[in-house]
N, C-alpha and C. Protein backbone atom coordinates (compact mmCIF):
# COMPACT_ATOMS: atom_id res chain seq x y z
N MET A 1 -32.76 -51.56 2.34
CA MET A 1 -32.90 -50.21 1.85
C MET A 1 -31.90 -49.95 0.72
N LEU A 2 -30.71 -50.51 0.88
CA LEU A 2 -29.68 -50.27 -0.14
C LEU A 2 -30.09 -50.84 -1.50
N GLU A 3 -30.84 -51.96 -1.48
CA GLU A 3 -31.25 -52.53 -2.76
C GLU A 3 -32.21 -51.61 -3.50
N TYR A 4 -33.06 -50.88 -2.78
CA TYR A 4 -33.96 -49.91 -3.41
C TYR A 4 -33.17 -48.74 -4.00
N ILE A 5 -32.13 -48.34 -3.26
CA ILE A 5 -31.30 -47.24 -3.75
C ILE A 5 -30.53 -47.67 -4.99
N GLU A 6 -29.95 -48.89 -4.96
CA GLU A 6 -29.19 -49.39 -6.10
C GLU A 6 -30.07 -49.57 -7.33
N LEU A 7 -31.30 -50.03 -7.12
CA LEU A 7 -32.22 -50.24 -8.24
C LEU A 7 -32.93 -48.96 -8.66
N LYS A 8 -32.68 -47.89 -7.92
CA LYS A 8 -33.34 -46.59 -8.17
C LYS A 8 -34.86 -46.75 -8.15
N ASP A 9 -35.33 -47.60 -7.22
CA ASP A 9 -36.76 -47.83 -7.04
C ASP A 9 -37.26 -46.88 -5.96
N MET A 10 -37.65 -45.70 -6.36
CA MET A 10 -38.07 -44.66 -5.42
C MET A 10 -39.39 -45.03 -4.72
N ASN A 11 -40.30 -45.68 -5.43
CA ASN A 11 -41.55 -46.11 -4.80
C ASN A 11 -41.28 -47.14 -3.70
N GLY A 12 -40.43 -48.10 -3.98
CA GLY A 12 -40.06 -49.11 -2.98
C GLY A 12 -39.35 -48.48 -1.80
N LEU A 13 -38.43 -47.54 -2.08
CA LEU A 13 -37.71 -46.86 -1.01
C LEU A 13 -38.65 -46.04 -0.15
N LEU A 14 -39.57 -45.33 -0.79
CA LEU A 14 -40.54 -44.53 -0.06
C LEU A 14 -41.42 -45.41 0.82
N PHE A 15 -41.90 -46.52 0.29
CA PHE A 15 -42.72 -47.45 1.06
C PHE A 15 -41.93 -48.00 2.25
N TYR A 16 -40.68 -48.37 2.02
CA TYR A 16 -39.80 -48.89 3.06
C TYR A 16 -39.68 -47.88 4.21
N ILE A 17 -39.45 -46.63 3.86
CA ILE A 17 -39.26 -45.57 4.86
C ILE A 17 -40.57 -45.28 5.59
N VAL A 18 -41.67 -45.18 4.85
CA VAL A 18 -42.97 -44.85 5.45
C VAL A 18 -43.40 -45.93 6.44
N VAL A 19 -43.20 -47.19 6.11
CA VAL A 19 -43.57 -48.28 7.02
C VAL A 19 -42.80 -48.16 8.32
N ARG A 20 -41.52 -47.90 8.25
CA ARG A 20 -40.71 -47.79 9.45
C ARG A 20 -41.07 -46.56 10.28
N ILE A 21 -41.37 -45.47 9.60
CA ILE A 21 -41.79 -44.26 10.32
C ILE A 21 -43.12 -44.52 11.03
N CYS A 22 -44.04 -45.19 10.36
CA CYS A 22 -45.34 -45.49 10.98
C CYS A 22 -45.17 -46.39 12.20
N ILE A 23 -44.34 -47.41 12.10
CA ILE A 23 -44.10 -48.31 13.24
C ILE A 23 -43.49 -47.52 14.40
N THR A 24 -42.55 -46.64 14.11
CA THR A 24 -41.91 -45.83 15.14
C THR A 24 -42.92 -44.90 15.80
N LEU A 25 -43.77 -44.26 15.00
CA LEU A 25 -44.77 -43.36 15.56
C LEU A 25 -45.78 -44.11 16.43
N VAL A 26 -46.17 -45.31 16.01
CA VAL A 26 -47.08 -46.12 16.82
C VAL A 26 -46.42 -46.48 18.15
N CYS A 27 -45.15 -46.83 18.11
CA CYS A 27 -44.42 -47.14 19.34
C CYS A 27 -44.38 -45.92 20.27
N TRP A 28 -44.09 -44.75 19.70
CA TRP A 28 -44.05 -43.53 20.52
C TRP A 28 -45.43 -43.24 21.11
N PHE A 29 -46.49 -43.45 20.34
CA PHE A 29 -47.84 -43.26 20.84
C PHE A 29 -48.11 -44.20 22.01
N PHE A 30 -47.69 -45.46 21.89
CA PHE A 30 -47.90 -46.43 22.96
C PHE A 30 -47.15 -46.03 24.23
N VAL A 31 -45.95 -45.48 24.07
CA VAL A 31 -45.18 -45.05 25.25
C VAL A 31 -45.90 -43.92 25.96
N ILE A 32 -46.35 -42.93 25.21
CA ILE A 32 -47.07 -41.81 25.83
C ILE A 32 -48.37 -42.32 26.46
N SER A 33 -49.07 -43.19 25.77
CA SER A 33 -50.31 -43.74 26.30
C SER A 33 -50.07 -44.50 27.60
N SER A 34 -49.02 -45.31 27.64
CA SER A 34 -48.74 -46.08 28.86
C SER A 34 -48.40 -45.15 30.02
N CYS A 35 -47.69 -44.05 29.75
CA CYS A 35 -47.39 -43.08 30.81
C CYS A 35 -48.67 -42.41 31.30
N LEU A 36 -49.56 -42.07 30.39
CA LEU A 36 -50.81 -41.43 30.78
C LEU A 36 -51.72 -42.40 31.55
N ILE A 37 -51.70 -43.67 31.16
CA ILE A 37 -52.48 -44.67 31.89
C ILE A 37 -51.92 -44.82 33.31
N ASP A 38 -50.61 -44.83 33.44
CA ASP A 38 -49.99 -44.91 34.76
C ASP A 38 -50.35 -43.67 35.58
N PHE A 39 -50.33 -42.50 34.96
CA PHE A 39 -50.70 -41.27 35.64
C PHE A 39 -52.15 -41.34 36.12
N TRP A 40 -53.02 -41.81 35.26
CA TRP A 40 -54.43 -41.98 35.60
C TRP A 40 -54.58 -42.94 36.79
N SER A 41 -53.88 -44.06 36.72
CA SER A 41 -53.93 -45.03 37.80
C SER A 41 -53.41 -44.43 39.10
N GLY A 42 -52.32 -43.67 39.02
CA GLY A 42 -51.76 -43.06 40.22
C GLY A 42 -52.69 -42.03 40.85
N THR A 43 -53.33 -41.22 40.02
CA THR A 43 -54.25 -40.22 40.58
C THR A 43 -55.48 -40.89 41.17
N ASN A 44 -55.98 -41.93 40.53
CA ASN A 44 -57.12 -42.66 41.10
C ASN A 44 -56.76 -43.32 42.42
N THR A 45 -55.56 -43.87 42.51
CA THR A 45 -55.12 -44.49 43.75
C THR A 45 -54.98 -43.45 44.85
N ALA A 46 -54.39 -42.30 44.52
CA ALA A 46 -54.24 -41.23 45.51
C ALA A 46 -55.60 -40.76 46.01
N LYS A 47 -56.55 -40.61 45.10
CA LYS A 47 -57.90 -40.19 45.51
C LYS A 47 -58.54 -41.25 46.40
N ALA A 48 -58.39 -42.52 46.04
CA ALA A 48 -58.99 -43.61 46.82
C ALA A 48 -58.39 -43.70 48.22
N LEU A 49 -57.11 -43.37 48.34
CA LEU A 49 -56.44 -43.44 49.64
C LEU A 49 -56.54 -42.13 50.41
N GLY A 50 -57.21 -41.14 49.82
CA GLY A 50 -57.38 -39.86 50.50
C GLY A 50 -56.14 -38.99 50.50
N GLU A 51 -55.20 -39.29 49.63
CA GLU A 51 -53.98 -38.50 49.52
C GLU A 51 -54.25 -37.28 48.63
N SER A 52 -53.54 -36.21 48.90
CA SER A 52 -53.74 -35.01 48.08
C SER A 52 -52.97 -35.15 46.78
N LEU A 53 -53.54 -34.60 45.73
CA LEU A 53 -52.86 -34.59 44.43
C LEU A 53 -51.97 -33.35 44.39
N GLN A 54 -50.69 -33.58 44.15
CA GLN A 54 -49.74 -32.48 44.16
C GLN A 54 -49.10 -32.33 42.79
N SER A 55 -48.62 -31.14 42.53
CA SER A 55 -48.01 -30.88 41.23
C SER A 55 -46.73 -31.68 41.03
N HIS A 56 -46.12 -32.16 42.12
CA HIS A 56 -44.90 -32.96 42.00
C HIS A 56 -45.16 -34.23 41.17
N GLY A 57 -46.30 -34.87 41.40
CA GLY A 57 -46.64 -36.07 40.63
C GLY A 57 -46.86 -35.76 39.16
N PHE A 58 -47.48 -34.62 38.89
CA PHE A 58 -47.71 -34.20 37.51
C PHE A 58 -46.37 -33.94 36.81
N ARG A 59 -45.49 -33.23 37.50
CA ARG A 59 -44.16 -32.93 36.93
C ARG A 59 -43.38 -34.21 36.69
N ARG A 60 -43.50 -35.15 37.65
CA ARG A 60 -42.77 -36.42 37.51
C ARG A 60 -43.21 -37.17 36.26
N THR A 61 -44.50 -37.11 35.93
CA THR A 61 -45.00 -37.77 34.72
C THR A 61 -44.41 -37.13 33.48
N ILE A 62 -44.37 -35.80 33.44
CA ILE A 62 -43.80 -35.09 32.28
C ILE A 62 -42.31 -35.40 32.15
N ILE A 63 -41.61 -35.42 33.28
CA ILE A 63 -40.17 -35.74 33.25
C ILE A 63 -39.96 -37.17 32.76
N LYS A 64 -40.82 -38.10 33.21
CA LYS A 64 -40.70 -39.50 32.80
C LYS A 64 -40.92 -39.64 31.30
N ILE A 65 -41.93 -38.94 30.77
CA ILE A 65 -42.18 -38.98 29.32
C ILE A 65 -40.95 -38.45 28.58
N GLY A 66 -40.35 -37.38 29.07
CA GLY A 66 -39.14 -36.83 28.44
C GLY A 66 -37.99 -37.81 28.47
N ASP A 67 -37.82 -38.49 29.60
CA ASP A 67 -36.76 -39.50 29.69
C ASP A 67 -36.99 -40.64 28.70
N TYR A 68 -38.23 -41.09 28.62
CA TYR A 68 -38.54 -42.17 27.67
C TYR A 68 -38.32 -41.71 26.23
N TRP A 69 -38.65 -40.47 25.91
CA TRP A 69 -38.43 -39.96 24.55
C TRP A 69 -36.94 -39.98 24.21
N ARG A 70 -36.11 -39.60 25.17
CA ARG A 70 -34.67 -39.62 24.89
C ARG A 70 -34.19 -41.03 24.60
N VAL A 71 -34.67 -42.01 25.35
CA VAL A 71 -34.31 -43.41 25.10
C VAL A 71 -34.78 -43.82 23.71
N LEU A 72 -36.01 -43.43 23.35
CA LEU A 72 -36.55 -43.81 22.05
C LEU A 72 -35.82 -43.12 20.90
N ILE A 73 -35.30 -41.92 21.12
CA ILE A 73 -34.51 -41.26 20.07
C ILE A 73 -33.22 -42.03 19.83
N PHE A 74 -32.58 -42.50 20.91
CA PHE A 74 -31.39 -43.34 20.72
C PHE A 74 -31.75 -44.64 20.00
N ALA A 75 -32.87 -45.23 20.36
CA ALA A 75 -33.31 -46.45 19.69
C ALA A 75 -33.54 -46.18 18.20
N MET A 76 -34.12 -45.03 17.89
CA MET A 76 -34.36 -44.68 16.49
C MET A 76 -33.04 -44.54 15.73
N MET A 77 -32.01 -44.00 16.40
CA MET A 77 -30.71 -43.89 15.73
C MET A 77 -30.15 -45.27 15.39
N PHE A 78 -30.29 -46.23 16.31
CA PHE A 78 -29.87 -47.60 16.01
C PHE A 78 -30.66 -48.15 14.83
N ASP A 79 -31.96 -47.89 14.83
CA ASP A 79 -32.81 -48.40 13.75
C ASP A 79 -32.47 -47.78 12.40
N ILE A 80 -32.13 -46.50 12.40
CA ILE A 80 -31.73 -45.86 11.14
C ILE A 80 -30.45 -46.48 10.61
N LEU A 81 -29.49 -46.71 11.50
CA LEU A 81 -28.25 -47.38 11.07
C LEU A 81 -28.55 -48.81 10.62
N GLY A 82 -29.43 -49.50 11.34
CA GLY A 82 -29.78 -50.87 10.98
C GLY A 82 -30.50 -50.97 9.65
N ALA A 83 -31.16 -49.90 9.24
CA ALA A 83 -31.89 -49.92 7.97
C ALA A 83 -30.97 -50.16 6.78
N PHE A 84 -29.70 -49.88 6.95
CA PHE A 84 -28.74 -50.10 5.86
C PHE A 84 -28.24 -51.54 5.81
N LEU A 85 -28.65 -52.36 6.78
CA LEU A 85 -28.26 -53.76 6.80
C LEU A 85 -29.40 -54.60 6.22
N PRO A 86 -29.09 -55.58 5.39
CA PRO A 86 -30.16 -56.32 4.71
C PRO A 86 -31.04 -57.15 5.65
N PHE A 87 -30.52 -57.59 6.78
CA PHE A 87 -31.30 -58.44 7.69
C PHE A 87 -32.13 -57.65 8.69
N TYR A 88 -31.91 -56.37 8.78
CA TYR A 88 -32.61 -55.52 9.76
C TYR A 88 -33.86 -54.97 9.10
N VAL A 89 -34.93 -55.77 9.15
CA VAL A 89 -36.12 -55.46 8.35
C VAL A 89 -37.14 -54.58 9.05
N LEU A 90 -37.08 -54.43 10.36
CA LEU A 90 -38.01 -53.60 11.13
C LEU A 90 -37.22 -52.78 12.15
N PRO A 91 -37.83 -51.74 12.71
CA PRO A 91 -37.15 -50.97 13.76
C PRO A 91 -37.17 -51.74 15.09
N PHE A 92 -36.36 -52.80 15.15
CA PHE A 92 -36.37 -53.71 16.29
C PHE A 92 -36.03 -53.01 17.60
N THR A 93 -35.07 -52.11 17.61
CA THR A 93 -34.65 -51.46 18.84
C THR A 93 -35.78 -50.62 19.41
N THR A 94 -36.46 -49.87 18.58
CA THR A 94 -37.59 -49.07 19.04
C THR A 94 -38.69 -49.97 19.58
N ILE A 95 -38.97 -51.06 18.90
CA ILE A 95 -40.01 -51.98 19.36
C ILE A 95 -39.64 -52.58 20.71
N LEU A 96 -38.40 -53.02 20.88
CA LEU A 96 -37.97 -53.61 22.15
C LEU A 96 -38.00 -52.59 23.28
N CYS A 97 -37.55 -51.37 23.02
CA CYS A 97 -37.60 -50.32 24.04
C CYS A 97 -39.05 -50.00 24.42
N THR A 98 -39.92 -49.98 23.44
CA THR A 98 -41.34 -49.72 23.71
C THR A 98 -41.93 -50.82 24.57
N ILE A 99 -41.62 -52.06 24.26
CA ILE A 99 -42.12 -53.18 25.06
C ILE A 99 -41.62 -53.06 26.50
N ALA A 100 -40.35 -52.71 26.67
CA ALA A 100 -39.79 -52.56 28.02
C ALA A 100 -40.50 -51.45 28.79
N ILE A 101 -40.73 -50.32 28.13
CA ILE A 101 -41.39 -49.19 28.78
C ILE A 101 -42.83 -49.55 29.16
N ILE A 102 -43.53 -50.22 28.25
CA ILE A 102 -44.91 -50.63 28.55
C ILE A 102 -44.93 -51.58 29.74
N CYS A 103 -43.96 -52.49 29.81
CA CYS A 103 -43.89 -53.40 30.96
C CYS A 103 -43.64 -52.64 32.26
N ILE A 104 -42.75 -51.67 32.23
CA ILE A 104 -42.46 -50.85 33.42
C ILE A 104 -43.72 -50.12 33.87
N GLU A 105 -44.39 -49.48 32.93
CA GLU A 105 -45.61 -48.73 33.28
C GLU A 105 -46.74 -49.67 33.70
N GLY A 106 -46.84 -50.83 33.08
CA GLY A 106 -47.85 -51.81 33.47
C GLY A 106 -47.62 -52.30 34.89
N LYS A 107 -46.36 -52.53 35.24
CA LYS A 107 -46.04 -52.93 36.61
C LYS A 107 -46.44 -51.84 37.59
N SER A 108 -46.24 -50.60 37.22
CA SER A 108 -46.63 -49.49 38.08
C SER A 108 -48.14 -49.44 38.27
N VAL A 109 -48.89 -49.70 37.20
CA VAL A 109 -50.36 -49.73 37.30
C VAL A 109 -50.80 -50.85 38.23
N ILE A 110 -50.17 -52.01 38.12
CA ILE A 110 -50.51 -53.13 39.00
C ILE A 110 -50.17 -52.79 40.45
N GLU A 111 -49.03 -52.12 40.67
CA GLU A 111 -48.67 -51.71 42.04
C GLU A 111 -49.68 -50.70 42.58
N ASN A 112 -50.12 -49.76 41.74
CA ASN A 112 -51.14 -48.81 42.18
C ASN A 112 -52.44 -49.53 42.54
N SER A 113 -52.80 -50.52 41.75
CA SER A 113 -54.01 -51.28 42.05
C SER A 113 -53.87 -52.03 43.36
N GLY A 114 -52.69 -52.53 43.62
CA GLY A 114 -52.43 -53.22 44.89
C GLY A 114 -52.52 -52.28 46.07
N ARG A 115 -52.00 -51.07 45.90
CA ARG A 115 -52.09 -50.07 46.98
C ARG A 115 -53.53 -49.70 47.25
N LYS A 116 -54.33 -49.68 46.21
CA LYS A 116 -55.73 -49.31 46.33
C LYS A 116 -56.56 -50.51 46.80
N LYS A 117 -55.91 -51.67 46.85
CA LYS A 117 -56.56 -52.93 47.23
C LYS A 117 -57.65 -53.31 46.23
N ALA A 118 -57.40 -53.01 44.98
CA ALA A 118 -58.32 -53.41 43.92
C ALA A 118 -57.96 -54.81 43.46
N HIS A 119 -58.91 -55.49 42.90
CA HIS A 119 -58.65 -56.87 42.47
C HIS A 119 -57.85 -56.94 41.18
N ALA A 120 -57.63 -55.82 40.51
CA ALA A 120 -56.81 -55.84 39.31
C ALA A 120 -55.38 -56.26 39.62
N ALA A 121 -54.94 -56.03 40.85
CA ALA A 121 -53.59 -56.44 41.25
C ALA A 121 -53.46 -57.95 41.32
N GLU A 122 -54.59 -58.65 41.44
CA GLU A 122 -54.57 -60.10 41.53
C GLU A 122 -54.57 -60.79 40.17
N VAL A 123 -54.76 -60.03 39.10
CA VAL A 123 -54.87 -60.62 37.76
C VAL A 123 -53.64 -61.46 37.39
N PRO A 124 -52.39 -60.96 37.59
CA PRO A 124 -51.25 -61.82 37.22
C PRO A 124 -51.23 -63.14 37.99
N ASP A 125 -51.63 -63.13 39.28
CA ASP A 125 -51.66 -64.37 40.04
C ASP A 125 -52.74 -65.31 39.53
N MET A 126 -53.89 -64.74 39.15
CA MET A 126 -54.97 -65.57 38.60
C MET A 126 -54.56 -66.21 37.28
N VAL A 127 -53.95 -65.43 36.43
CA VAL A 127 -53.50 -65.96 35.13
C VAL A 127 -52.47 -67.05 35.34
N LYS A 128 -51.55 -66.83 36.28
CA LYS A 128 -50.53 -67.83 36.57
C LYS A 128 -51.17 -69.13 37.06
N ALA A 129 -52.16 -69.02 37.95
CA ALA A 129 -52.84 -70.21 38.47
C ALA A 129 -53.56 -70.96 37.35
N ILE A 130 -54.18 -70.22 36.45
CA ILE A 130 -54.89 -70.86 35.34
C ILE A 130 -53.92 -71.57 34.42
N VAL A 131 -52.81 -70.93 34.11
CA VAL A 131 -51.81 -71.52 33.21
C VAL A 131 -51.17 -72.75 33.84
N GLU A 132 -50.95 -72.71 35.16
CA GLU A 132 -50.29 -73.84 35.84
C GLU A 132 -51.22 -75.03 36.05
N ALA A 133 -52.52 -74.84 35.85
CA ALA A 133 -53.47 -75.95 36.02
C ALA A 133 -53.19 -76.99 34.94
N ALA A 134 -52.85 -78.20 35.39
CA ALA A 134 -52.46 -79.25 34.46
C ALA A 134 -53.65 -80.01 33.89
N THR A 135 -54.72 -80.09 34.65
CA THR A 135 -55.89 -80.82 34.19
C THR A 135 -57.09 -79.89 34.15
N SER A 136 -58.14 -80.35 33.50
CA SER A 136 -59.35 -79.53 33.42
C SER A 136 -60.00 -79.39 34.80
N GLU A 137 -59.84 -80.41 35.67
CA GLU A 137 -60.38 -80.31 37.02
C GLU A 137 -59.68 -79.21 37.81
N GLN A 138 -58.35 -79.14 37.68
CA GLN A 138 -57.61 -78.07 38.37
C GLN A 138 -58.01 -76.71 37.82
N GLY A 139 -58.22 -76.64 36.52
CA GLY A 139 -58.65 -75.38 35.91
C GLY A 139 -60.01 -74.96 36.42
N ALA A 140 -60.93 -75.93 36.52
CA ALA A 140 -62.27 -75.63 37.03
C ALA A 140 -62.20 -75.18 38.49
N GLU A 141 -61.30 -75.79 39.26
CA GLU A 141 -61.14 -75.41 40.66
C GLU A 141 -60.64 -73.96 40.78
N VAL A 142 -59.69 -73.60 39.94
CA VAL A 142 -59.17 -72.22 39.95
C VAL A 142 -60.29 -71.25 39.57
N LEU A 143 -61.05 -71.57 38.55
CA LEU A 143 -62.15 -70.69 38.14
C LEU A 143 -63.22 -70.59 39.23
N ASN A 144 -63.48 -71.67 39.96
CA ASN A 144 -64.43 -71.62 41.07
C ASN A 144 -63.94 -70.70 42.18
N ARG A 145 -62.62 -70.76 42.47
CA ARG A 145 -62.06 -69.86 43.50
C ARG A 145 -62.20 -68.41 43.07
N ILE A 146 -61.97 -68.15 41.78
CA ILE A 146 -62.12 -66.78 41.27
C ILE A 146 -63.57 -66.33 41.40
N ALA A 147 -64.49 -67.19 41.02
CA ALA A 147 -65.92 -66.86 41.11
C ALA A 147 -66.33 -66.62 42.56
N GLU A 148 -65.84 -67.44 43.49
CA GLU A 148 -66.15 -67.24 44.91
C GLU A 148 -65.62 -65.90 45.40
N GLY A 149 -64.41 -65.57 44.99
CA GLY A 149 -63.83 -64.28 45.38
C GLY A 149 -64.64 -63.11 44.85
N LEU A 150 -65.12 -63.23 43.62
CA LEU A 150 -65.94 -62.17 43.04
C LEU A 150 -67.28 -62.04 43.76
N SER A 151 -67.88 -63.17 44.11
CA SER A 151 -69.17 -63.11 44.79
C SER A 151 -69.02 -62.52 46.19
N LYS A 152 -67.93 -62.82 46.89
CA LYS A 152 -67.68 -62.22 48.20
C LYS A 152 -67.50 -60.72 48.09
N THR A 153 -66.80 -60.29 47.04
CA THR A 153 -66.57 -58.85 46.83
C THR A 153 -67.89 -58.16 46.59
N LYS A 154 -68.76 -58.73 45.77
CA LYS A 154 -70.05 -58.10 45.48
C LYS A 154 -70.91 -58.02 46.74
N LYS A 155 -70.87 -59.05 47.61
CA LYS A 155 -71.63 -59.02 48.85
C LYS A 155 -71.16 -57.88 49.74
N HIS A 156 -69.82 -57.70 49.83
CA HIS A 156 -69.27 -56.63 50.67
C HIS A 156 -69.60 -55.26 50.11
N GLU A 157 -69.65 -55.13 48.79
CA GLU A 157 -69.96 -53.84 48.17
C GLU A 157 -71.42 -53.47 48.38
N ASN A 158 -72.30 -54.46 48.50
CA ASN A 158 -73.73 -54.18 48.68
C ASN A 158 -74.07 -53.76 50.10
N TYR A 159 -73.22 -54.03 51.07
CA TYR A 159 -73.50 -53.66 52.47
C TYR A 159 -72.96 -52.32 52.82
């Protein structure tokens, strides 16, 4: 950023700033989206388990979004300071905080799926089994087990 200021390149400086603002806004959008997805997952799980939906859960989601915003504002302050360093080319702190928040909320969605006994909770185990398959035969065996599990589920749903 300093090189644009020194060269009095206002177009370059403006582009530099706009790109970073856009990346930050996208990160903030992803954080809010991940919280809303977790909220959606939680309400669906509560409905599936016959639990009542209470305003406490709604308030907790709003409080969580506020907490995440405060963390992201601190991350943005680091990124603004980093913008004056030549090697700090992107808002890395905001991106890393966003990734951490998405992982936290994703884990919560998986836990909700597990509580609901949905097969979405098994996805990380399935992916792990596929990745750990060393040969094509082992991979085919894992895929056959997945297919068998899906066919059993469909049979139970039809009865």
